[in-house]
Amino acid sequence: MITFQEFLSTDITEEELDSIVEDLQWEDIEHLYADDEFENELDEALSAAARMQKSQKFKSRKTAVGQSRRLKLRRAASTDVINRRSKVAARQMVIRKLLKGRDKKQLSAAEKDRIEKQASNILAGQKGLVVRMIPKIRSLERSRLAGKKK
């Protein structure tokens, strides 16, 4: 397990953070428009069994959620949504760094939970990363909407 101190000493420099944020493209954050954005959110962490149950429930509501998603994609995202997407993008960036090239799908549930916990700890100390990603995500949102008008 990599400690927070090791992460800080060996990983991302200010220049790398700037380049990562500047190099973000729509494809990098497209998955942030997750279907669960259109459902009520839960605050607690889900176990693997609860995740499977939620998955089944969600699959049964697929068409209604899809319709809601299409409507929401026509409108600009609110500040809260932009902030939430920024948090998710920062979390995914840290997780990608922690995975060191491994595929998250190939990890066991325990390893995934461990990496998620590490990412939470790292992001707690790196709150500025989320804030630095907000302008880029907002500009990507604007460019997405400008493309819809054409």
Protein backbone atom coordinates (compact mmCIF):
# COMPACT_ATOMS: atom_id res chain seq x y z
CA MET A 1 0.00 0.00 0.00
CA ILE A 2 1.32 3.40 -0.95
CA THR A 3 1.18 5.99 1.81
CA PHE A 4 0.08 9.56 1.36
CA GLN A 5 3.63 10.72 2.02
CA GLU A 6 4.98 8.43 -0.71
CA PHE A 7 2.30 9.65 -3.10
CA LEU A 8 3.25 13.25 -2.48
CA SER A 9 6.98 12.64 -2.78
CA THR A 10 6.97 10.58 -5.98
CA ASP A 11 3.93 11.54 -7.99
CA ILE A 12 2.24 14.54 -9.47
CA THR A 13 4.10 17.84 -9.73
CA GLU A 14 2.42 21.19 -10.25
CA GLU A 15 3.37 21.13 -13.94
CA GLU A 16 1.88 17.64 -14.36
CA LEU A 17 -1.35 18.74 -12.68
CA ASP A 18 -1.58 21.77 -14.95
CA SER A 19 -0.91 19.69 -18.05
CA ILE A 20 -3.47 17.04 -17.01
CA VAL A 21 -6.13 19.66 -16.39
CA GLU A 22 -5.32 21.51 -19.63
CA ASP A 23 -5.30 18.30 -21.69
CA LEU A 24 -8.79 17.26 -20.58
CA GLN A 25 -11.07 16.59 -23.51
CA TRP A 26 -14.81 15.94 -23.70
CA GLU A 27 -14.14 12.21 -24.08
CA ASP A 28 -12.27 12.22 -20.76
CA ILE A 29 -15.25 13.52 -18.81
CA GLU A 30 -18.12 12.19 -20.91
CA HIS A 31 -18.65 9.34 -18.46
CA LEU A 32 -19.15 11.93 -15.70
CA TYR A 33 -22.63 12.36 -17.15
CA ALA A 34 -23.51 9.17 -15.33
CA ASP A 35 -27.03 7.83 -15.19
CA ASP A 36 -27.00 8.02 -11.41
CA GLU A 37 -26.90 11.80 -11.78
CA PHE A 38 -30.58 11.54 -12.59
CA GLU A 39 -31.43 9.43 -9.57
CA ASN A 40 -31.44 10.31 -5.89
CA GLU A 41 -27.94 9.95 -4.53
CA LEU A 42 -26.92 7.85 -1.55
CA ASP A 43 -24.35 9.12 0.90
CA GLU A 44 -23.18 5.80 2.29
CA ALA A 45 -20.78 3.41 0.60
CA LEU A 46 -22.33 0.37 -1.05
CA SER A 47 -21.22 -3.19 -0.48
CA ALA A 48 -20.69 -5.44 -3.49
CA ALA A 49 -24.09 -7.15 -2.95
CA ALA A 50 -25.87 -3.81 -2.59
CA ARG A 51 -24.17 -2.64 -5.79
CA MET A 52 -25.51 -5.67 -7.66
CA GLN A 53 -29.04 -5.05 -6.32
CA LYS A 54 -28.83 -1.40 -7.31
CA SER A 55 -27.60 -2.44 -10.75
CA GLN A 56 -30.61 -4.71 -11.26
CA LYS A 57 -33.00 -2.00 -10.10
CA PHE A 58 -31.35 0.52 -12.40
CA LYS A 59 -31.54 -1.80 -15.40
CA SER A 60 -35.29 -2.05 -14.91
CA ARG A 61 -35.60 1.76 -15.09
CA LYS A 62 -33.27 2.12 -18.06
CA THR A 63 -35.70 3.82 -20.46
CA ALA A 64 -37.00 6.37 -17.96
CA VAL A 65 -33.48 7.30 -16.92
CA GLY A 66 -32.40 7.54 -20.55
CA GLN A 67 -35.23 9.93 -21.31
CA SER A 68 -34.33 12.05 -18.29
CA ARG A 69 -30.69 12.03 -19.32
CA ARG A 70 -31.47 13.25 -22.86
CA LEU A 71 -33.49 16.15 -21.43
CA LYS A 72 -30.77 17.14 -18.98
CA LEU A 73 -28.06 17.02 -21.63
CA ARG A 74 -29.87 19.79 -23.52
CA ARG A 75 -29.38 22.19 -20.64
CA ALA A 76 -26.25 23.67 -19.12
CA ALA A 77 -25.12 22.05 -15.90
CA SER A 78 -25.55 23.90 -12.63
CA THR A 79 -22.62 24.92 -10.45
CA ASP A 80 -23.33 22.02 -8.08
CA VAL A 81 -23.19 19.54 -10.95
CA ILE A 82 -19.96 21.08 -12.29
CA ASN A 83 -18.42 20.83 -8.82
CA ARG A 84 -19.52 17.21 -8.48
CA ARG A 85 -18.08 16.34 -11.90
CA SER A 86 -14.84 18.05 -10.94
CA LYS A 87 -14.63 15.92 -7.78
CA VAL A 88 -15.24 12.76 -9.76
CA ALA A 89 -12.67 13.71 -12.41
CA ALA A 90 -10.07 14.45 -9.72
CA ARG A 91 -10.85 11.14 -7.99
CA GLN A 92 -10.49 9.25 -11.26
CA MET A 93 -7.21 10.99 -12.01
CA VAL A 94 -5.81 9.95 -8.60
CA ILE A 95 -7.15 6.40 -8.99
CA ARG A 96 -5.56 6.13 -12.44
CA LYS A 97 -2.25 7.17 -10.86
CA LEU A 98 -2.66 4.64 -8.02
CA LEU A 99 -3.51 1.80 -10.41
CA LYS A 100 -0.17 2.28 -12.20
CA GLY A 101 -1.44 1.01 -15.52
CA ARG A 102 -3.49 -1.90 -14.16
CA ASP A 103 -7.10 -2.34 -15.20
CA LYS A 104 -9.52 -1.64 -12.37
CA LYS A 105 -11.89 -4.30 -13.69
CA GLN A 106 -9.24 -6.96 -13.07
CA LEU A 107 -8.84 -6.08 -9.37
CA SER A 108 -10.60 -7.89 -6.58
CA ALA A 109 -13.31 -6.12 -4.60
CA ALA A 110 -10.96 -5.73 -1.63
CA GLU A 111 -8.28 -4.13 -3.81
CA LYS A 112 -10.84 -1.77 -5.34
CA ASP A 113 -12.02 -0.74 -1.87
CA ARG A 114 -8.42 -0.21 -0.74
CA ILE A 115 -7.64 1.97 -3.76
CA GLU A 116 -10.87 3.95 -3.28
CA LYS A 117 -9.95 4.55 0.35
CA GLN A 118 -6.44 5.67 -0.62
CA ALA A 119 -7.88 8.01 -3.22
CA SER A 120 -10.22 9.51 -0.62
CA ASN A 121 -7.32 10.10 1.74
CA ILE A 122 -5.20 11.67 -0.99
CA LEU A 123 -8.02 13.92 -2.18
CA ALA A 124 -8.68 15.04 1.39
CA GLY A 125 -5.17 16.51 1.40
CA GLN A 126 -5.33 17.76 -2.19
CA LYS A 127 -8.55 19.81 -2.19
CA GLY A 128 -6.99 22.30 -4.57
CA LEU A 129 -6.97 19.70 -7.32
CA VAL A 130 -10.77 19.68 -7.47
CA VAL A 131 -10.92 23.47 -7.58
CA ARG A 132 -8.31 23.61 -10.36
CA MET A 133 -10.36 21.28 -12.54
CA ILE A 134 -13.60 23.29 -12.32
CA PRO A 135 -12.75 25.89 -15.03
CA LYS A 136 -11.67 23.21 -17.49
CA ILE A 137 -14.80 21.14 -16.92
CA ARG A 138 -16.94 24.27 -17.25
CA SER A 139 -15.26 25.14 -20.56
CA LEU A 140 -15.77 21.59 -21.82
CA GLU A 141 -19.44 21.90 -20.88
CA ARG A 142 -19.71 25.18 -22.80
CA SER A 143 -18.04 23.70 -25.87
CA ARG A 144 -20.35 20.68 -25.73
CA LEU A 145 -23.40 22.93 -25.64
CA ALA A 146 -22.04 25.17 -28.40
CA GLY A 147 -21.68 22.09 -30.59
CA LYS A 148 -25.35 21.19 -29.99
CA LYS A 149 -26.55 24.54 -31.37
CA LYS A 150 -24.94 24.01 -34.76
